[in-house]
Protein backbone atom coordinates (compact mmCIF):
# COMPACT_ATOMS: atom_id res chain seq x y z
CA MET A 1 -30.21 1.79 10.84
CA LYS A 2 -33.41 4.29 11.08
CA LYS A 3 -34.19 6.51 8.17
CA ALA A 4 -32.94 9.69 10.03
CA ASN A 5 -29.65 8.30 10.76
CA LEU A 6 -29.21 6.95 7.59
CA SER A 7 -29.79 10.29 5.95
CA LYS A 8 -27.31 11.70 8.57
CA HIS A 9 -24.55 8.69 7.55
CA LEU A 10 -25.25 9.31 3.63
CA LYS A 11 -24.22 13.20 4.46
CA GLN A 12 -21.45 12.15 6.32
CA VAL A 13 -20.24 9.70 3.48
CA ARG A 14 -20.76 11.98 0.76
CA GLN A 15 -18.94 14.75 2.84
CA ALA A 16 -16.22 11.87 3.19
CA LEU A 17 -15.70 10.86 0.22
CA LYS A 18 -15.41 15.02 -1.62
CA PHE A 19 -12.68 15.61 0.72
CA VAL A 20 -10.83 12.06 0.47
CA ALA A 21 -11.15 12.57 -3.50
CA HIS A 22 -10.12 16.05 -3.10
CA GLN A 23 -6.73 14.90 -1.52
CA LEU A 24 -6.16 12.04 -3.70
CA ASN A 25 -7.01 13.88 -7.19
CA ARG A 26 -4.79 16.64 -5.16
CA GLN A 27 -1.89 14.35 -4.86
CA LYS A 28 -2.21 13.22 -9.17
CA ILE A 29 -2.06 9.69 -8.10
CA ASP A 30 -4.35 6.60 -9.48
CA TRP A 31 -6.46 5.44 -7.05
CA LEU A 32 -10.17 3.67 -7.57
CA LEU A 33 -13.25 3.54 -5.15
CA GLY A 34 -14.59 0.04 -4.78
CA ALA A 35 -17.61 -1.63 -3.33
CA SER A 36 -20.53 0.30 -2.07
CA GLY A 37 -19.12 3.54 -2.79
CA ALA A 38 -18.73 3.07 -6.42
CA LEU A 39 -22.34 1.75 -6.32
CA MET A 40 -23.67 5.20 -4.82
CA ILE A 41 -21.36 6.97 -7.39
CA TRP A 42 -22.94 5.09 -10.15
CA GLY A 43 -26.79 5.99 -8.52
CA VAL A 44 -27.39 2.54 -7.21
CA ASP A 45 -30.12 2.91 -4.29
CA ILE A 46 -27.47 2.19 -1.50
CA VAL A 47 -25.98 4.01 1.69
CA PRO A 48 -22.29 2.61 2.08
CA TYR A 49 -21.25 1.94 5.45
CA ASP A 50 -17.69 2.94 4.78
CA LEU A 51 -15.55 3.71 1.87
CA ASP A 52 -13.20 1.54 0.30
CA ILE A 53 -10.19 3.06 -2.00
CA PHE A 54 -7.93 0.95 -3.70
CA THR A 55 -4.37 2.20 -5.04
CA SER A 56 -0.54 0.97 -5.49
CA LYS A 57 1.79 -0.20 -2.73
CA LYS A 58 3.83 3.14 -2.91
CA ASN A 59 0.85 5.45 -2.67
CA VAL A 60 -0.92 3.49 0.27
CA LYS A 61 2.34 4.52 2.14
CA LYS A 62 2.29 8.01 0.84
CA LEU A 63 -1.30 8.77 1.76
CA SER A 64 -0.65 7.38 4.94
CA GLU A 65 1.51 10.39 5.23
CA VAL A 66 -1.07 12.70 3.69
CA PHE A 67 -3.96 11.42 6.05
CA SER A 68 -1.72 10.77 9.15
CA ASN A 69 -3.88 12.92 11.22
CA TYR A 70 -7.03 10.55 10.20
CA ILE A 71 -5.49 7.64 10.91
CA THR A 72 -7.39 4.73 13.41
CA ASN A 73 -5.56 1.75 12.38
CA PRO A 74 -1.93 2.27 10.80
CA PRO A 75 -0.28 1.01 7.58
CA HIS A 76 -0.07 -2.71 7.92
CA ASP A 77 0.12 -5.99 5.80
CA PHE A 78 -3.20 -8.11 5.29
CA ARG A 79 -3.45 -11.55 3.18
CA GLU A 80 -5.97 -12.26 0.36
CA LYS A 81 -5.88 -14.83 -1.99
CA GLU A 82 -2.05 -15.93 -1.53
CA LYS A 83 -0.87 -12.43 -1.80
CA ASN A 84 0.32 -9.54 0.96
CA TYR A 85 -1.33 -6.22 0.37
CA LEU A 86 -0.92 -3.15 2.50
CA GLU A 87 -3.66 -1.25 3.91
CA PHE A 88 -4.85 1.41 6.71
CA GLN A 89 -8.01 2.65 8.16
CA MET A 90 -8.71 5.92 9.10
CA LYS A 91 -11.93 7.97 10.12
CA ILE A 92 -13.25 11.00 7.91
CA SER A 93 -16.65 12.97 9.21
CA GLU A 94 -17.39 9.72 11.32
CA VAL A 95 -17.04 7.22 8.28
CA GLU A 96 -14.63 4.58 8.06
CA VAL A 97 -12.16 4.69 5.17
CA GLU A 98 -9.88 1.81 4.13
CA ILE A 99 -6.98 2.56 2.00
CA CYS A 100 -5.56 -0.83 0.36
CA GLU A 101 -3.35 -1.68 -2.10
CA LEU A 102 -5.07 -3.30 -5.16
CA ASP A 103 -3.28 -4.01 -8.67
CA PHE A 104 -5.73 -2.63 -11.43
CA SER A 105 -5.22 -0.61 -14.83
CA PRO A 106 -6.20 2.96 -14.25
CA ASP A 107 -6.86 3.47 -18.15
CA LYS A 108 -9.96 1.29 -17.68
CA LEU A 109 -11.58 2.91 -15.01
CA ILE A 110 -14.65 5.45 -15.55
CA LYS A 111 -14.22 8.72 -14.10
CA ILE A 112 -17.71 9.71 -12.69
CA PRO A 113 -18.35 13.73 -11.32
CA PHE A 114 -19.39 13.96 -8.09
CA GLU A 115 -19.18 17.24 -6.10
CA ASN A 116 -16.68 18.83 -8.22
CA GLU A 117 -14.52 16.11 -8.27
CA LEU A 118 -13.69 13.13 -10.68
CA ILE A 119 -14.34 9.47 -8.90
CA PRO A 120 -12.55 6.69 -10.71
CA VAL A 121 -14.78 3.39 -10.64
CA ASN A 122 -15.27 0.32 -12.27
CA SER A 123 -18.06 -0.28 -14.74
CA LEU A 124 -21.16 -0.88 -12.97
CA GLU A 125 -21.54 -4.26 -15.00
CA ASN A 126 -17.73 -5.04 -13.45
CA GLU A 127 -19.18 -4.65 -10.03
CA LEU A 128 -22.04 -6.82 -10.76
CA VAL A 129 -19.61 -9.38 -11.46
CA PHE A 130 -17.80 -8.87 -8.22
CA TYR A 131 -20.73 -8.74 -5.95
CA LYS A 132 -22.08 -12.06 -7.94
CA ALA A 133 -19.23 -14.10 -7.06
CA ARG A 134 -19.50 -12.72 -3.11
CA GLU A 135 -22.02 -15.07 -0.86
CA GLY A 136 -24.93 -13.29 0.99
CA LYS A 137 -24.73 -10.37 -1.52
CA GLU A 138 -27.80 -11.19 -3.40
CA LYS A 139 -29.95 -8.02 -2.11
CA ILE A 140 -26.88 -5.96 -3.89
CA VAL A 141 -26.75 -8.01 -6.91
CA ALA A 142 -30.62 -7.46 -7.36
CA LEU A 143 -30.06 -3.27 -6.76
CA ILE A 144 -27.29 -3.42 -9.36
CA GLU A 145 -29.16 -5.39 -11.79
CA ASN A 146 -32.26 -3.39 -11.26
CA HIS A 147 -30.25 0.07 -11.79
CA LEU A 148 -28.96 -1.38 -14.73
CA ARG A 149 -32.12 -2.00 -16.28
CA LYS A 150 -33.04 0.96 -15.64
CA MET A 151 -29.97 2.40 -17.25
CA GLY A 152 -31.41 0.17 -20.14
CA LYS A 153 -28.01 -1.77 -20.12
CA VAL A 154 -29.37 -5.18 -19.50
CA ARG A 155 -33.11 -6.75 -20.32
CA ASN A 156 -32.97 -9.99 -18.82
CA MET A 157 -30.38 -11.57 -16.32
């Protein structure tokens, strides 16, 4: 993507996240921003292609009603690691947003302020573990490690 398009896309991602976070926080549900969106919130030099939101199965169903006007792919099951999950996809400000079922401990999340909303994310160290376990993510791993070094959290990896 060209630099001008990248800048426009980043602005759209930020707008979409602000809108979605506001709706989710207003519903008072437990949720988690994952993947590259979480890295962006942590300040890693990355422009997310899309936003990945995780919540409980019950909340996926509820949110499919809340976001019904934005849905591009209605709620459906998908299978990963021998387990079925519920998810749906939508588009906000030209940005693809995926709302997926996931089991997680809300009390272990870190809430980072972003445009007057609190965004729940995993620790950056946990994101690093996630990306290290995925093939082809060496560049993202390097970006995370570099950011952790800048934060003074890691000396040598």
